PDB file of all heavy atoms in Angstrom:
ATOM      1  N   LYS A   1     205.254  67.559 100.406  1.00  0.00           N
ATOM      2  CA  LYS A   1     204.751  68.151 101.639  1.00  0.00           C
ATOM      3  C   LYS A   1     205.938  68.304 102.580  1.00  0.00           C
ATOM      4  O   LYS A   1     206.603  67.322 102.919  1.00  0.00           O
ATOM      5  CB  LYS A   1     203.673  67.278 102.281  1.00  0.00           C
ATOM      6  CG  LYS A   1     203.019  67.920 103.504  1.00  0.00           C
ATOM      7  CD  LYS A   1     202.121  66.940 104.245  1.00  0.00           C
ATOM      8  CE  LYS A   1     200.932  66.519 103.422  1.00  0.00           C
ATOM      9  NZ  LYS A   1     200.029  65.621 104.218  1.00  0.00           N
ATOM     10  N   ILE A   2     206.205  69.539 102.998  1.00  0.00           N
ATOM     11  CA  ILE A   2     207.377  69.826 103.830  1.00  0.00           C
ATOM     12  C   ILE A   2     206.972  69.928 105.289  1.00  0.00           C
ATOM     13  O   ILE A   2     206.079  70.711 105.645  1.00  0.00           O
ATOM     14  CB  ILE A   2     208.055  71.135 103.393  1.00  0.00           C
ATOM     15  CG1 ILE A   2     208.430  71.091 101.905  1.00  0.00           C
ATOM     16  CG2 ILE A   2     209.310  71.391 104.233  1.00  0.00           C
ATOM     17  CD1 ILE A   2     208.978  72.409 101.376  1.00  0.00           C
ATOM     18  N   GLY A   3     207.612  69.161 106.135  1.00  0.00           N
ATOM     19  CA  GLY A   3     207.458  69.300 107.571  1.00  0.00           C
ATOM     20  C   GLY A   3     208.439  70.341 108.071  1.00  0.00           C
ATOM     21  O   GLY A   3     209.651  70.205 107.876  1.00  0.00           O
ATOM     22  N   ILE A   4     207.935  71.400 108.702  1.00  0.00           N
ATOM     23  CA  ILE A   4     208.771  72.505 109.176  1.00  0.00           C
ATOM     24  C   ILE A   4     208.724  72.519 110.700  1.00  0.00           C
ATOM     25  O   ILE A   4     207.666  72.723 111.302  1.00  0.00           O
ATOM     26  CB  ILE A   4     208.299  73.852 108.621  1.00  0.00           C
ATOM     27  CG1 ILE A   4     208.312  73.828 107.087  1.00  0.00           C
ATOM     28  CG2 ILE A   4     209.167  74.991 109.157  1.00  0.00           C
ATOM     29  CD1 ILE A   4     207.692  75.052 106.441  1.00  0.00           C
ATOM     30  N   ILE A   5     209.874  72.301 111.309  1.00  0.00           N
ATOM     31  CA  ILE A   5     209.961  72.159 112.761  1.00  0.00           C
ATOM     32  C   ILE A   5     210.760  73.306 113.361  1.00  0.00           C
ATOM     33  O   ILE A   5     211.859  73.627 112.900  1.00  0.00           O
ATOM     34  CB  ILE A   5     210.664  70.842 113.150  1.00  0.00           C
ATOM     35  CG1 ILE A   5     209.962  69.639 112.532  1.00  0.00           C
ATOM     36  CG2 ILE A   5     210.745  70.698 114.666  1.00  0.00           C
ATOM     37  CD1 ILE A   5     210.737  68.338 112.690  1.00  0.00           C
ATOM     38  N   GLY A   6     210.213  73.910 114.410  1.00  0.00           N
ATOM     39  CA  GLY A   6     210.958  74.843 115.245  1.00  0.00           C
ATOM     40  C   GLY A   6     210.813  74.393 116.688  1.00  0.00           C
ATOM     41  O   GLY A   6     209.748  73.908 117.091  1.00  0.00           O
ATOM     42  N   ALA A   7     211.856  74.543 117.480  1.00  0.00           N
ATOM     43  CA  ALA A   7     211.787  74.080 118.866  1.00  0.00           C
ATOM     44  C   ALA A   7     210.943  75.004 119.734  1.00  0.00           C
ATOM     45  O   ALA A   7     210.279  74.556 120.663  1.00  0.00           O
ATOM     46  CB  ALA A   7     213.195  73.960 119.445  1.00  0.00           C
ATOM     47  N   MET A   8     210.973  76.302 119.419  1.00  0.00           N
ATOM     48  CA  MET A   8     210.297  77.293 120.249  1.00  0.00           C
ATOM     49  C   MET A   8     209.245  78.052 119.448  1.00  0.00           C
ATOM     50  O   MET A   8     209.314  78.108 118.216  1.00  0.00           O
ATOM     51  CB  MET A   8     211.319  78.274 120.828  1.00  0.00           C
ATOM     52  CG  MET A   8     212.386  77.608 121.684  1.00  0.00           C
ATOM     53  SD  MET A   8     213.516  78.822 122.422  1.00  0.00           S
ATOM     54  CE  MET A   8     214.236  79.548 120.957  1.00  0.00           C
ATOM     55  N   GLU A   9     208.307  78.655 120.148  1.00  0.00           N
ATOM     56  CA  GLU A   9     207.222  79.372 119.482  1.00  0.00           C
ATOM     57  C   GLU A   9     207.752  80.513 118.622  1.00  0.00           C
ATOM     58  O   GLU A   9     207.235  80.787 117.538  1.00  0.00           O
ATOM     59  CB  GLU A   9     206.228  79.901 120.513  1.00  0.00           C
ATOM     60  CG  GLU A   9     204.977  80.531 119.919  1.00  0.00           C
ATOM     61  CD  GLU A   9     204.163  79.555 119.081  1.00  0.00           C
ATOM     62  OE1 GLU A   9     204.198  78.331 119.348  1.00  0.00           O
ATOM     63  OE2 GLU A   9     203.479  80.029 118.144  1.00  0.00           O
ATOM     64  N   SER A  10     208.801  81.196 119.101  1.00  0.00           N
ATOM     65  CA  SER A  10     209.352  82.313 118.338  1.00  0.00           C
ATOM     66  C   SER A  10     209.891  81.872 116.987  1.00  0.00           C
ATOM     67  O   SER A  10     209.998  82.681 116.052  1.00  0.00           O
ATOM     68  CB  SER A  10     210.472  82.996 119.134  1.00  0.00           C
ATOM     69  OG  SER A  10     211.558  82.108 119.352  1.00  0.00           O
ATOM     70  N   GLU A  11     210.226  80.598 116.860  1.00  0.00           N
ATOM     71  CA  GLU A  11     210.807  80.081 115.627  1.00  0.00           C
ATOM     72  C   GLU A  11     209.751  79.688 114.592  1.00  0.00           C
ATOM     73  O   GLU A  11     210.082  79.484 113.422  1.00  0.00           O
ATOM     74  CB  GLU A  11     211.710  78.883 115.945  1.00  0.00           C
ATOM     75  CG  GLU A  11     212.904  79.253 116.809  1.00  0.00           C
ATOM     76  CD  GLU A  11     213.646  78.062 117.372  1.00  0.00           C
ATOM     77  OE1 GLU A  11     213.108  76.937 117.346  1.00  0.00           O
ATOM     78  OE2 GLU A  11     214.767  78.261 117.863  1.00  0.00           O
ATOM     79  N   VAL A  12     208.499  79.572 114.999  1.00  0.00           N
ATOM     80  CA  VAL A  12     207.448  79.160 114.054  1.00  0.00           C
ATOM     81  C   VAL A  12     206.255  80.111 114.020  1.00  0.00           C
ATOM     82  O   VAL A  12     205.376  79.955 113.182  1.00  0.00           O
ATOM     83  CB  VAL A  12     206.938  77.731 114.366  1.00  0.00           C
ATOM     84  CG1 VAL A  12     208.041  76.700 114.150  1.00  0.00           C
ATOM     85  CG2 VAL A  12     206.378  77.641 115.775  1.00  0.00           C
ATOM     86  N   SER A  13     206.214  81.098 114.914  1.00  0.00           N
ATOM     87  CA  SER A  13     205.030  81.949 115.015  1.00  0.00           C
ATOM     88  C   SER A  13     204.761  82.709 113.722  1.00  0.00           C
ATOM     89  O   SER A  13     203.600  82.789 113.267  1.00  0.00           O
ATOM     90  CB  SER A  13     205.174  82.931 116.185  1.00  0.00           C
ATOM     91  OG  SER A  13     206.320  83.742 116.030  1.00  0.00           O
ATOM     92  N   THR A  14     205.797  83.265 113.099  1.00  0.00           N
ATOM     93  CA  THR A  14     205.613  83.996 111.843  1.00  0.00           C
ATOM     94  C   THR A  14     205.083  83.083 110.745  1.00  0.00           C
ATOM     95  O   THR A  14     204.217  83.479 109.950  1.00  0.00           O
ATOM     96  CB  THR A  14     206.938  84.636 111.389  1.00  0.00           C
ATOM     97  OG1 THR A  14     207.376  85.566 112.382  1.00  0.00           O
ATOM     98  CG2 THR A  14     206.781  85.362 110.060  1.00  0.00           C
ATOM     99  N   LEU A  15     205.577  81.863 110.698  1.00  0.00           N
ATOM    100  CA  LEU A  15     205.136  80.907 109.680  1.00  0.00           C
ATOM    101  C   LEU A  15     203.668  80.549 109.881  1.00  0.00           C
ATOM    102  O   LEU A  15     202.889  80.491 108.928  1.00  0.00           O
ATOM    103  CB  LEU A  15     205.999  79.651 109.724  1.00  0.00           C
ATOM    104  CG  LEU A  15     207.508  79.869 109.548  1.00  0.00           C
ATOM    105  CD1 LEU A  15     208.246  78.539 109.661  1.00  0.00           C
ATOM    106  CD2 LEU A  15     207.804  80.532 108.216  1.00  0.00           C
ATOM    107  N   LYS A  16     203.259  80.339 111.121  1.00  0.00           N
ATOM    108  CA  LYS A  16     201.860  79.993 111.403  1.00  0.00           C
ATOM    109  C   LYS A  16     200.925  81.160 111.083  1.00  0.00           C
ATOM    110  O   LYS A  16     199.796  80.947 110.620  1.00  0.00           O
ATOM    111  CB  LYS A  16     201.714  79.561 112.864  1.00  0.00           C
ATOM    112  CG  LYS A  16     202.386  78.220 113.164  1.00  0.00           C
ATOM    113  CD  LYS A  16     201.964  77.636 114.486  1.00  0.00           C
ATOM    114  CE  LYS A  16     202.350  78.477 115.650  1.00  0.00           C
ATOM    115  NZ  LYS A  16     202.065  77.818 116.949  1.00  0.00           N
ATOM    116  N   GLU A  17     201.400  82.376 111.320  1.00  0.00           N
ATOM    117  CA  GLU A  17     200.579  83.550 111.016  1.00  0.00           C
ATOM    118  C   GLU A  17     200.435  83.757 109.505  1.00  0.00           C
ATOM    119  O   GLU A  17     199.419  84.270 109.034  1.00  0.00           O
ATOM    120  CB  GLU A  17     201.212  84.796 111.641  1.00  0.00           C
ATOM    121  CG  GLU A  17     201.138  84.821 113.164  1.00  0.00           C
ATOM    122  CD  GLU A  17     202.049  85.876 113.765  1.00  0.00           C
ATOM    123  OE1 GLU A  17     202.674  86.636 112.971  1.00  0.00           O
ATOM    124  OE2 GLU A  17     202.162  85.936 115.000  1.00  0.00           O
ATOM    125  N   THR A  18     201.449  83.341 108.752  1.00  0.00           N
ATOM    126  CA  THR A  18     201.467  83.565 107.306  1.00  0.00           C
ATOM    127  C   THR A  18     200.723  82.477 106.541  1.00  0.00           C
ATOM    128  O   THR A  18     200.091  82.743 105.523  1.00  0.00           O
ATOM    129  CB  THR A  18     202.923  83.627 106.797  1.00  0.00           C
ATOM    130  OG1 THR A  18     203.634  84.631 107.539  1.00  0.00           O
ATOM    131  CG2 THR A  18     202.987  83.965 105.323  1.00  0.00           C
ATOM    132  N   MET A  19     200.766  81.250 107.020  1.00  0.00           N
ATOM    133  CA  MET A  19     200.209  80.125 106.284  1.00  0.00           C
ATOM    134  C   MET A  19     198.687  80.092 106.354  1.00  0.00           C
ATOM    135  O   MET A  19     198.070  80.707 107.238  1.00  0.00           O
ATOM    136  CB  MET A  19     200.768  78.801 106.815  1.00  0.00           C
ATOM    137  CG  MET A  19     200.228  78.398 108.183  1.00  0.00           C
ATOM    138  SD  MET A  19     200.919  76.830 108.798  1.00  0.00           S
ATOM    139  CE  MET A  19     200.213  75.643 107.650  1.00  0.00           C
ATOM    140  N   LYS A  20     198.095  79.358 105.430  1.00  0.00           N
ATOM    141  CA  LYS A  20     196.670  79.069 105.465  1.00  0.00           C
ATOM    142  C   LYS A  20     196.510  77.648 105.983  1.00  0.00           C
ATOM    143  O   LYS A  20     196.785  76.674 105.284  1.00  0.00           O
ATOM    144  CB  LYS A  20     196.052  79.187 104.070  1.00  0.00           C
ATOM    145  CG  LYS A  20     194.566  78.871 104.040  1.00  0.00           C
ATOM    146  CD  LYS A  20     194.005  78.928 102.626  1.00  0.00           C
ATOM    147  CE  LYS A  20     192.519  78.554 102.611  1.00  0.00           C
ATOM    148  NZ  LYS A  20     191.970  78.549 101.229  1.00  0.00           N
ATOM    149  N   ALA A  21     196.106  77.521 107.240  1.00  0.00           N
ATOM    150  CA  ALA A  21     196.017  76.211 107.880  1.00  0.00           C
ATOM    151  C   ALA A  21     194.642  75.592 107.640  1.00  0.00           C
ATOM    152  O   ALA A  21     193.613  76.210 107.919  1.00  0.00           O
ATOM    153  CB  ALA A  21     196.285  76.326 109.372  1.00  0.00           C
ATOM    154  N   ASP A  22     194.627  74.369 107.120  1.00  0.00           N
ATOM    155  CA  ASP A  22     193.383  73.645 106.901  1.00  0.00           C
ATOM    156  C   ASP A  22     192.933  72.907 108.156  1.00  0.00           C
ATOM    157  O   ASP A  22     191.745  72.723 108.388  1.00  0.00           O
ATOM    158  CB  ASP A  22     193.552  72.643 105.757  1.00  0.00           C
ATOM    159  CG  ASP A  22     193.869  73.332 104.438  1.00  0.00           C
ATOM    160  OD1 ASP A  22     193.327  74.416 104.199  1.00  0.00           O
ATOM    161  OD2 ASP A  22     194.676  72.780 103.661  1.00  0.00           O
ATOM    162  N   GLN A  23     193.910  72.471 108.948  1.00  0.00           N
ATOM    163  CA  GLN A  23     193.582  71.760 110.179  1.00  0.00           C
ATOM    164  C   GLN A  23     194.750  71.842 111.146  1.00  0.00           C
ATOM    165  O   GLN A  23     195.898  72.053 110.751  1.00  0.00           O
ATOM    166  CB  GLN A  23     193.240  70.295 109.897  1.00  0.00           C
ATOM    167  CG  GLN A  23     194.380  69.474 109.319  1.00  0.00           C
ATOM    168  CD  GLN A  23     194.021  68.008 109.181  1.00  0.00           C
ATOM    169  OE1 GLN A  23     193.052  67.521 109.775  1.00  0.00           O
ATOM    170  NE2 GLN A  23     194.815  67.255 108.414  1.00  0.00           N
ATOM    171  N   VAL A  24     194.423  71.698 112.426  1.00  0.00           N
ATOM    172  CA  VAL A  24     195.438  71.640 113.482  1.00  0.00           C
ATOM    173  C   VAL A  24     195.204  70.358 114.265  1.00  0.00           C
ATOM    174  O   VAL A  24     194.116  70.144 114.809  1.00  0.00           O
ATOM    175  CB  VAL A  24     195.355  72.857 114.428  1.00  0.00           C
ATOM    176  CG1 VAL A  24     196.443  72.763 115.491  1.00  0.00           C
ATOM    177  CG2 VAL A  24     195.465  74.155 113.652  1.00  0.00           C
ATOM    178  N   ILE A  25     196.188  69.497 114.290  1.00  0.00           N
ATOM    179  CA  ILE A  25     196.084  68.216 114.981  1.00  0.00           C
ATOM    180  C   ILE A  25     197.079  68.198 116.131  1.00  0.00           C
ATOM    181  O   ILE A  25     198.256  68.537 115.950  1.00  0.00           O
ATOM    182  CB  ILE A  25     196.365  67.044 114.019  1.00  0.00           C
ATOM    183  CG1 ILE A  25     195.291  66.987 112.926  1.00  0.00           C
ATOM    184  CG2 ILE A  25     196.449  65.716 114.776  1.00  0.00           C
ATOM    185  CD1 ILE A  25     195.540  65.921 111.879  1.00  0.00           C
ATOM    186  N   THR A  26     196.617  67.831 117.313  1.00  0.00           N
ATOM    187  CA  THR A  26     197.489  67.743 118.483  1.00  0.00           C
ATOM    188  C   THR A  26     197.900  66.299 118.722  1.00  0.00           C
ATOM    189  O   THR A  26     197.054  65.410 118.798  1.00  0.00           O
ATOM    190  CB  THR A  26     196.788  68.298 119.732  1.00  0.00           C
ATOM    191  OG1 THR A  26     196.416  69.667 119.495  1.00  0.00           O
ATOM    192  CG2 THR A  26     197.713  68.248 120.939  1.00  0.00           C
ATOM    193  N   LYS A  27     199.179  66.097 118.819  1.00  0.00           N
ATOM    194  CA  LYS A  27     199.730  64.760 119.040  1.00  0.00           C
ATOM    195  C   LYS A  27     200.971  64.901 119.910  1.00  0.00           C
ATOM    196  O   LYS A  27     201.818  65.746 119.645  1.00  0.00           O
ATOM    197  CB  LYS A  27     200.098  64.123 117.695  1.00  0.00           C
ATOM    198  CG  LYS A  27     200.420  62.645 117.744  1.00  0.00           C
ATOM    199  CD  LYS A  27     199.164  61.807 117.763  1.00  0.00           C
ATOM    200  CE  LYS A  27     199.508  60.331 117.593  1.00  0.00           C
ATOM    201  NZ  LYS A  27     198.320  59.469 117.718  1.00  0.00           N
ATOM    202  N   ALA A  28     201.067  64.084 120.955  1.00  0.00           N
ATOM    203  CA  ALA A  28     202.215  64.103 121.869  1.00  0.00           C
ATOM    204  C   ALA A  28     202.470  65.511 122.417  1.00  0.00           C
ATOM    205  O   ALA A  28     203.611  65.921 122.624  1.00  0.00           O
ATOM    206  CB  ALA A  28     203.471  63.570 121.173  1.00  0.00           C
ATOM    207  N   GLY A  29     201.392  66.248 122.653  1.00  0.00           N
ATOM    208  CA  GLY A  29     201.509  67.587 123.203  1.00  0.00           C
ATOM    209  C   GLY A  29     201.965  68.642 122.211  1.00  0.00           C
ATOM    210  O   GLY A  29     202.230  69.780 122.602  1.00  0.00           O
ATOM    211  N   MET A  30     202.051  68.282 120.927  1.00  0.00           N
ATOM    212  CA  MET A  30     202.490  69.218 119.889  1.00  0.00           C
ATOM    213  C   MET A  30     201.318  69.526 118.964  1.00  0.00           C
ATOM    214  O   MET A  30     200.550  68.628 118.614  1.00  0.00           O
ATOM    215  CB  MET A  30     203.637  68.611 119.076  1.00  0.00           C
ATOM    216  CG  MET A  30     204.819  68.139 119.884  1.00  0.00           C
ATOM    217  SD  MET A  30     206.014  67.238 118.856  1.00  0.00           S
ATOM    218  CE  MET A  30     206.967  66.394 120.133  1.00  0.00           C
ATOM    219  N   ASN A  31     201.208  70.793 118.557  1.00  0.00           N
ATOM    220  CA  ASN A  31     200.159  71.209 117.631  1.00  0.00           C
ATOM    221  C   ASN A  31     200.724  71.277 116.214  1.00  0.00           C
ATOM    222  O   ASN A  31     201.613  72.083 115.932  1.00  0.00           O
ATOM    223  CB  ASN A  31     199.601  72.572 118.031  1.00  0.00           C
ATOM    224  CG  ASN A  31     198.900  72.531 119.373  1.00  0.00           C
ATOM    225  OD1 ASN A  31     198.207  71.561 119.691  1.00  0.00           O
ATOM    226  ND2 ASN A  31     199.069  73.574 120.160  1.00  0.00           N
ATOM    227  N   PHE A  32     200.191  70.439 115.333  1.00  0.00           N
ATOM    228  CA  PHE A  32     200.658  70.341 113.958  1.00  0.00           C
ATOM    229  C   PHE A  32     199.689  71.121 113.067  1.00  0.00           C
ATOM    230  O   PHE A  32     198.517  70.753 112.935  1.00  0.00           O
ATOM    231  CB  PHE A  32     200.726  68.886 113.519  1.00  0.00           C
ATOM    232  CG  PHE A  32     201.772  68.076 114.246  1.00  0.00           C
ATOM    233  CD1 PHE A  32     201.525  67.581 115.523  1.00  0.00           C
ATOM    234  CD2 PHE A  32     203.000  67.814 113.662  1.00  0.00           C
ATOM    235  CE1 PHE A  32     202.484  66.837 116.202  1.00  0.00           C
ATOM    236  CE2 PHE A  32     203.961  67.082 114.326  1.00  0.00           C
ATOM    237  CZ  PHE A  32     203.709  66.590 115.604  1.00  0.00           C
ATOM    238  N   TYR A  33     200.180  72.199 112.452  1.00  0.00           N
ATOM    239  CA  TYR A  33     199.381  73.053 111.571  1.00  0.00           C
ATOM    240  C   TYR A  33     199.607  72.607 110.127  1.00  0.00           C
ATOM    241  O   TYR A  33     200.700  72.799 109.582  1.00  0.00           O
ATOM    242  CB  TYR A  33     199.782  74.512 111.733  1.00  0.00           C
ATOM    243  CG  TYR A  33     199.400  75.116 113.060  1.00  0.00           C
ATOM    244  CD1 TYR A  33     200.083  74.771 114.226  1.00  0.00           C
ATOM    245  CD2 TYR A  33     198.356  76.027 113.160  1.00  0.00           C
ATOM    246  CE1 TYR A  33     199.741  75.318 115.454  1.00  0.00           C
ATOM    247  CE2 TYR A  33     197.993  76.583 114.386  1.00  0.00           C
ATOM    248  CZ  TYR A  33     198.687  76.215 115.523  1.00  0.00           C
ATOM    249  OH  TYR A  33     198.339  76.763 116.739  1.00  0.00           O
ATOM    250  N   GLU A  34     198.597  72.011 109.517  1.00  0.00           N
ATOM    251  CA  GLU A  34     198.717  71.523 108.151  1.00  0.00           C
ATOM    252  C   GLU A  34     197.973  72.456 107.209  1.00  0.00           C
ATOM    253  O   GLU A  34     196.825  72.829 107.462  1.00  0.00           O
ATOM    254  CB  GLU A  34     198.152  70.107 108.026  1.00  0.00           C
ATOM    255  CG  GLU A  34     198.352  69.512 106.644  1.00  0.00           C
ATOM    256  CD  GLU A  34     197.906  68.059 106.556  1.00  0.00           C
ATOM    257  OE1 GLU A  34     197.096  67.631 107.414  1.00  0.00           O
ATOM    258  OE2 GLU A  34     198.381  67.353 105.656  1.00  0.00           O
ATOM    259  N   GLY A  35     198.632  72.822 106.121  1.00  0.00           N
ATOM    260  CA  GLY A  35     198.002  73.717 105.159  1.00  0.00           C
ATOM    261  C   GLY A  35     198.969  74.136 104.077  1.00  0.00           C
ATOM    262  O   GLY A  35     199.835  73.358 103.672  1.00  0.00           O
ATOM    263  N   MET A  36     198.845  75.381 103.617  1.00  0.00           N
ATOM    264  CA  MET A  36     199.650  75.893 102.511  1.00  0.00           C
ATOM    265  C   MET A  36     200.467  77.091 102.965  1.00  0.00           C
ATOM    266  O   MET A  36     199.974  77.962 103.685  1.00  0.00           O
ATOM    267  CB  MET A  36     198.748  76.304 101.347  1.00  0.00           C
ATOM    268  CG  MET A  36     197.843  75.197 100.821  1.00  0.00           C
ATOM    269  SD  MET A  36     198.755  73.839 100.038  1.00  0.00           S
ATOM    270  CE  MET A  36     199.309  74.658  98.531  1.00  0.00           C
ATOM    271  N   LEU A  37     201.703  77.113 102.540  1.00  0.00           N
ATOM    272  CA  LEU A  37     202.603  78.230 102.818  1.00  0.00           C
ATOM    273  C   LEU A  37     203.288  78.613 101.512  1.00  0.00           C
ATOM    274  O   LEU A  37     204.013  77.798 100.925  1.00  0.00           O
ATOM    275  CB  LEU A  37     203.640  77.837 103.873  1.00  0.00           C
ATOM    276  CG  LEU A  37     204.607  78.924 104.347  1.00  0.00           C
ATOM    277  CD1 LEU A  37     203.862  80.037 105.070  1.00  0.00           C
ATOM    278  CD2 LEU A  37     205.670  78.324 105.268  1.00  0.00           C
ATOM    279  N   GLU A  38     203.023  79.825 101.039  1.00  0.00           N
ATOM    280  CA  GLU A  38     203.582  80.273  99.757  1.00  0.00           C
ATOM    281  C   GLU A  38     203.257  79.286  98.629  1.00  0.00           C
ATOM    282  O   GLU A  38     204.087  79.001  97.763  1.00  0.00           O
ATOM    283  CB  GLU A  38     205.100  80.482  99.866  1.00  0.00           C
ATOM    284  CG  GLU A  38     205.518  81.550 100.855  1.00  0.00           C
ATOM    285  CD  GLU A  38     205.158  82.961 100.390  1.00  0.00           C
ATOM    286  OE1 GLU A  38     204.836  83.141  99.203  1.00  0.00           O
ATOM    287  OE2 GLU A  38     205.186  83.883 101.220  1.00  0.00           O
ATOM    288  N   GLY A  39     202.048  78.728  98.668  1.00  0.00           N
ATOM    289  CA  GLY A  39     201.616  77.804  97.628  1.00  0.00           C
ATOM    290  C   GLY A  39     202.129  76.389  97.762  1.00  0.00           C
ATOM    291  O   GLY A  39     201.896  75.561  96.877  1.00  0.00           O
ATOM    292  N   THR A  40     202.788  76.091  98.861  1.00  0.00           N
ATOM    293  CA  THR A  40     203.391  74.770  99.070  1.00  0.00           C
ATOM    294  C   THR A  40     202.712  74.053 100.236  1.00  0.00           C
ATOM    295  O   THR A  40     202.513  74.654 101.291  1.00  0.00           O
ATOM    296  CB  THR A  40     204.901  74.911  99.374  1.00  0.00           C
ATOM    297  OG1 THR A  40     205.538  75.597  98.293  1.00  0.00           O
ATOM    298  CG2 THR A  40     205.552  73.557  99.565  1.00  0.00           C
ATOM    299  N   PRO A  41     202.367  72.767 100.091  1.00  0.00           N
ATOM    300  CA  PRO A  41     201.811  72.012 101.211  1.00  0.00           C
ATOM    301  C   PRO A  41     202.854  71.855 102.325  1.00  0.00           C
ATOM    302  O   PRO A  41     203.989  71.413 102.062  1.00  0.00           O
ATOM    303  CB  PRO A  41     201.460  70.654 100.594  1.00  0.00           C
ATOM    304  CG  PRO A  41     201.405  70.886  99.124  1.00  0.00           C
ATOM    305  CD  PRO A  41     202.411  71.954  98.843  1.00  0.00           C
ATOM    306  N   VAL A  42     202.479  72.219 103.535  1.00  0.00           N
ATOM    307  CA  VAL A  42     203.407  72.146 104.663  1.00  0.00           C
ATOM    308  C   VAL A  42     202.679  71.673 105.913  1.00  0.00           C
ATOM    309  O   VAL A  42     201.454  71.722 106.003  1.00  0.00           O
ATOM    310  CB  VAL A  42     204.059  73.521 104.963  1.00  0.00           C
ATOM    311  CG1 VAL A  42     204.867  74.030 103.778  1.00  0.00           C
ATOM    312  CG2 VAL A  42     203.019  74.543 105.401  1.00  0.00           C
TER     313      VAL A  42
END
């Protein structure tokens, strides 16, 4: 399972739009999108 971090929205927006998110968990003011990206758990 790969954790993919970007500091700004522009750095992760394409990834979030492409992935299939199973859940979104908010912790410490950050939204963690967990799911599959190109067949890989991320």
